[in-house]
Amino acid sequence: MAMEQRLYDAAIELFCELGYQKTTLNDIAAEAEVSTRTLYKYFPTKESILRKFGKENILALKAFSGKLPHDMPLQDKVIETMVQDFKLMFGLFDVSYILHSARDESGMFARFELENILASESIYCNLFKQEQLKEGMEPNEMVALCASIVMGLYRHCNDLYRFRKKGTFDEKDLRAFYRTHIDAVWGSLYRSLLSVPARNAPLLNIDKHLFGSLEPNR
């Protein structure tokens, strides 16, 4: 585990410094002061390193969300999860630079980004599912649709916030920024969450898997 972390740290440092595309596996091995053979045992490709980054962040965010106080209002849980997600993704370095430099013609970046969006969305799904259970409802498709809306808002807010607030972020300011946007839609979203969707609703029936999963451990 220590060796894997050593290689991973070296790779992330080089991705930030050189960009994903310009960093080679040989560069990573040299930075970690190990042989390429040792590197291949843990990370046979650069993509495997990127996937570890995404997986670790999702696991950390899921653990954080799961430990939020049971009696905390749902809107506060959503906002605190957003803030923590931002801290995990951008608190130590600008991960967007790594991801932007990882774009390639094979579509690897697009697959990685989609996997992370759906994994993050499932965390909000679970928050909404627990709220429906708390209100005596059988969880339904609205948890996934509401989670999809929150994810879209989260990503949009990140782009706006990071463009306007370059440099070290202020957690209190970031939380207030999210809340301003969430407040604008929360009443409608919450009413929708606690409503029973029509079984012939066209949006929900087009392709349900696009809206995540009702399963909490997805």
Protein backbone atom coordinates (compact mmCIF):
# COMPACT_ATOMS: atom_id res chain seq x y z
CA MET A 1 0.00 0.00 0.00
CA ALA A 2 2.88 2.37 0.78
CA MET A 3 4.43 1.74 -2.64
CA GLU A 4 1.13 2.21 -4.43
CA GLN A 5 0.60 5.54 -2.65
CA ARG A 6 4.16 6.62 -3.45
CA LEU A 7 3.62 5.94 -7.15
CA TYR A 8 0.21 7.55 -7.11
CA ASP A 9 1.51 10.74 -5.44
CA ALA A 10 4.33 10.98 -7.97
CA ALA A 11 1.90 10.60 -10.86
CA ILE A 12 -0.51 13.25 -9.57
CA GLU A 13 2.36 15.67 -9.04
CA LEU A 14 3.55 15.18 -12.61
CA PHE A 15 0.04 15.40 -14.04
CA CYS A 16 -0.29 18.81 -12.36
CA GLU A 17 3.13 19.94 -13.51
CA LEU A 18 3.30 18.59 -17.07
CA GLY A 19 -0.27 17.68 -17.93
CA TYR A 20 -1.70 14.21 -18.35
CA GLN A 21 -0.80 13.72 -22.02
CA LYS A 22 2.82 14.83 -21.68
CA THR A 23 3.50 12.68 -18.63
CA THR A 24 4.80 9.19 -19.42
CA LEU A 25 4.94 6.09 -17.27
CA ASN A 26 8.72 6.36 -17.42
CA ASP A 27 8.46 9.88 -16.00
CA ILE A 28 6.33 8.60 -13.13
CA ALA A 29 8.71 5.76 -12.34
CA ALA A 30 11.66 8.17 -12.34
CA GLU A 31 9.84 10.65 -10.10
CA ALA A 32 9.05 7.85 -7.61
CA GLU A 33 12.62 6.50 -7.95
CA VAL A 34 11.50 2.99 -8.89
CA SER A 35 11.81 0.84 -11.98
CA THR A 36 9.11 0.86 -14.65
CA ARG A 37 8.63 -2.82 -13.92
CA THR A 38 7.64 -1.94 -10.34
CA LEU A 39 5.29 0.77 -11.61
CA TYR A 40 3.55 -1.65 -14.00
CA LYS A 41 2.73 -3.98 -11.11
CA TYR A 42 0.55 -1.28 -9.57
CA PHE A 43 -0.43 0.92 -12.50
CA PRO A 44 -0.12 -0.67 -15.93
CA THR A 45 -1.54 2.46 -17.63
CA LYS A 46 -1.93 6.16 -16.89
CA GLU A 47 -5.68 5.67 -17.08
CA SER A 48 -5.52 3.29 -14.11
CA ILE A 49 -4.00 6.12 -12.06
CA LEU A 50 -6.75 8.51 -13.10
CA ARG A 51 -9.36 5.92 -12.17
CA LYS A 52 -7.80 5.50 -8.72
CA PHE A 53 -8.09 9.24 -8.22
CA GLY A 54 -11.79 9.19 -9.11
CA LYS A 55 -12.52 6.08 -7.04
CA GLU A 56 -10.83 7.42 -3.91
CA ASN A 57 -12.69 10.71 -4.12
CA ILE A 58 -16.04 8.98 -4.56
CA LEU A 59 -15.42 6.64 -1.61
CA ALA A 60 -14.40 9.58 0.57
CA LEU A 61 -17.45 11.59 -0.47
CA LYS A 62 -19.78 8.66 0.15
CA ALA A 63 -18.34 8.16 3.63
CA PHE A 64 -18.69 11.88 4.38
CA SER A 65 -22.31 11.99 3.19
CA GLY A 66 -23.18 8.87 5.16
CA LYS A 67 -21.94 10.44 8.41
CA LEU A 68 -24.02 13.63 8.17
CA PRO A 69 -26.41 13.97 11.15
CA HIS A 70 -29.66 12.11 10.64
CA ASP A 71 -31.70 15.12 11.74
CA MET A 72 -29.89 17.59 9.47
CA PRO A 73 -32.31 19.16 6.94
CA LEU A 74 -32.02 17.58 3.49
CA GLN A 75 -31.07 20.84 1.81
CA ASP A 76 -28.17 21.28 4.24
CA LYS A 77 -27.03 17.70 3.57
CA VAL A 78 -26.99 18.39 -0.16
CA ILE A 79 -25.02 21.62 0.27
CA GLU A 80 -22.50 20.08 2.67
CA THR A 81 -21.97 17.21 0.23
CA MET A 82 -21.37 19.75 -2.56
CA VAL A 83 -18.82 21.63 -0.47
CA GLN A 84 -16.99 18.43 0.45
CA ASP A 85 -16.96 17.29 -3.18
CA PHE A 86 -15.40 20.60 -4.20
CA LYS A 87 -12.77 20.29 -1.49
CA LEU A 88 -11.87 16.77 -2.60
CA MET A 89 -11.67 17.73 -6.26
CA PHE A 90 -10.06 21.17 -6.06
CA GLY A 91 -8.78 21.66 -2.51
CA LEU A 92 -5.22 20.43 -3.07
CA PHE A 93 -4.74 21.28 -6.74
CA ASP A 94 -6.73 22.21 -9.81
CA VAL A 95 -7.87 18.79 -10.95
CA SER A 96 -9.62 20.37 -13.95
CA TYR A 97 -6.16 20.96 -15.44
CA ILE A 98 -5.39 17.26 -15.18
CA LEU A 99 -8.73 16.27 -16.66
CA HIS A 100 -8.50 18.83 -19.46
CA SER A 101 -5.03 17.59 -20.39
CA ALA A 102 -6.38 14.02 -20.34
CA ARG A 103 -8.76 14.60 -23.25
CA ASP A 104 -8.01 12.28 -26.13
CA GLU A 105 -9.52 11.00 -29.34
CA SER A 106 -10.27 7.58 -27.86
CA GLY A 107 -12.86 9.10 -25.53
CA MET A 108 -11.09 7.93 -22.36
CA PHE A 109 -11.67 11.25 -20.63
CA ALA A 110 -15.35 11.27 -21.53
CA ARG A 111 -15.80 7.77 -20.08
CA PHE A 112 -13.92 8.69 -16.93
CA GLU A 113 -15.97 11.86 -16.45
CA LEU A 114 -19.28 10.07 -17.05
CA GLU A 115 -18.40 7.33 -14.57
CA ASN A 116 -17.59 9.92 -11.93
CA ILE A 117 -20.74 11.93 -12.61
CA LEU A 118 -22.92 8.84 -12.21
CA ALA A 119 -21.04 7.72 -9.09
CA SER A 120 -21.43 11.17 -7.52
CA GLU A 121 -25.06 11.26 -8.57
CA SER A 122 -25.68 8.00 -6.73
CA ILE A 123 -24.61 9.69 -3.46
CA TYR A 124 -27.33 12.30 -3.90
CA CYS A 125 -29.71 9.52 -4.88
CA ASN A 126 -29.13 7.94 -1.51
CA LEU A 127 -29.75 11.22 0.33
CA PHE A 128 -33.04 11.66 -1.52
CA LYS A 129 -33.99 8.03 -1.00
CA GLN A 130 -33.46 8.37 2.76
CA GLU A 131 -35.64 11.47 2.78
CA GLN A 132 -38.48 9.63 1.05
CA LEU A 133 -38.19 6.79 3.56
CA LYS A 134 -38.17 9.31 6.39
CA GLU A 135 -41.43 10.75 5.03
CA GLY A 136 -42.99 7.30 4.83
CA MET A 137 -42.71 6.93 1.07
CA GLU A 138 -41.55 4.01 -0.99
CA PRO A 139 -38.45 5.23 -2.90
CA ASN A 140 -39.27 5.95 -6.54
CA GLU A 141 -37.72 7.32 -9.71
CA MET A 142 -37.87 10.90 -8.47
CA VAL A 143 -34.78 10.35 -6.30
CA ALA A 144 -32.73 9.76 -9.44
CA LEU A 145 -34.22 12.67 -11.36
CA CYS A 146 -33.69 15.06 -8.44
CA ALA A 147 -30.09 13.82 -8.07
CA SER A 148 -29.48 14.48 -11.75
CA ILE A 149 -30.75 18.05 -11.35
CA VAL A 150 -28.53 18.63 -8.31
CA MET A 151 -25.47 17.31 -10.14
CA GLY A 152 -26.13 19.63 -13.06
CA LEU A 153 -26.45 22.58 -10.70
CA TYR A 154 -23.32 21.56 -8.80
CA ARG A 155 -21.21 21.40 -11.95
CA HIS A 156 -22.56 24.70 -13.24
CA CYS A 157 -21.88 26.42 -9.91
CA ASN A 158 -18.32 25.06 -9.88
CA ASP A 159 -17.58 26.53 -13.30
CA LEU A 160 -18.97 29.93 -12.27
CA TYR A 161 -17.30 29.96 -8.86
CA ARG A 162 -13.87 28.90 -10.04
CA PHE A 163 -13.95 31.43 -12.89
CA ARG A 164 -14.83 34.29 -10.54
CA LYS A 165 -12.84 33.20 -7.48
CA LYS A 166 -9.41 32.24 -8.69
CA GLY A 167 -6.90 31.07 -6.10
CA THR A 168 -7.62 29.72 -2.63
CA PHE A 169 -11.31 29.27 -2.05
CA ASP A 170 -13.22 30.44 1.00
CA GLU A 171 -15.34 27.55 2.30
CA LYS A 172 -17.93 29.86 3.87
CA ASP A 173 -18.20 31.84 0.64
CA LEU A 174 -18.48 28.66 -1.43
CA ARG A 175 -21.25 27.30 0.81
CA ALA A 176 -23.20 30.56 0.47
CA PHE A 177 -22.73 30.45 -3.31
CA TYR A 178 -24.19 26.95 -3.53
CA ARG A 179 -27.06 27.88 -1.23
CA THR A 180 -28.04 30.89 -3.33
CA HIS A 181 -28.46 28.66 -6.37
CA ILE A 182 -30.06 25.76 -4.51
CA ASP A 183 -32.59 28.12 -2.87
CA ALA A 184 -33.87 29.13 -6.30
CA VAL A 185 -35.01 25.61 -7.15
CA TRP A 186 -35.34 23.84 -3.82
CA GLY A 187 -39.06 24.32 -3.21
CA SER A 188 -40.00 22.82 -6.57
CA LEU A 189 -37.39 20.06 -6.32
CA TYR A 190 -38.47 19.02 -2.82
CA ARG A 191 -42.16 18.95 -3.79
CA SER A 192 -41.26 16.78 -6.77
CA LEU A 193 -39.23 14.45 -4.57
CA LEU A 194 -42.19 13.83 -2.30
CA SER A 195 -44.65 13.37 -5.15
CA VAL A 196 -45.52 10.05 -6.77
CA PRO A 197 -44.42 10.15 -10.43
CA ALA A 198 -46.86 9.17 -13.14
CA ARG A 199 -45.89 5.81 -14.58
CA ASN A 200 -46.22 7.12 -18.10
CA ALA A 201 -43.97 10.14 -17.49
CA PRO A 202 -42.03 10.36 -20.79
CA LEU A 203 -38.78 11.70 -19.31
CA LEU A 204 -38.45 8.94 -16.74
CA ASN A 205 -39.23 6.22 -19.23
CA ILE A 206 -36.87 7.30 -22.02
CA ASP A 207 -33.79 5.73 -20.43
CA LYS A 208 -33.94 5.32 -16.69
CA HIS A 209 -30.33 4.28 -16.29
CA LEU A 210 -29.23 7.80 -17.28
CA PHE A 211 -30.66 9.06 -14.00
CA GLY A 212 -28.55 6.83 -11.77
CA SER A 213 -29.73 4.12 -9.45
CA LEU A 214 -31.99 3.75 -6.46
CA GLU A 215 -29.47 1.40 -4.92
CA PRO A 216 -27.52 3.16 -2.12
CA ASN A 217 -24.29 1.22 -2.68
CA ARG A 218 -24.03 1.68 -6.40
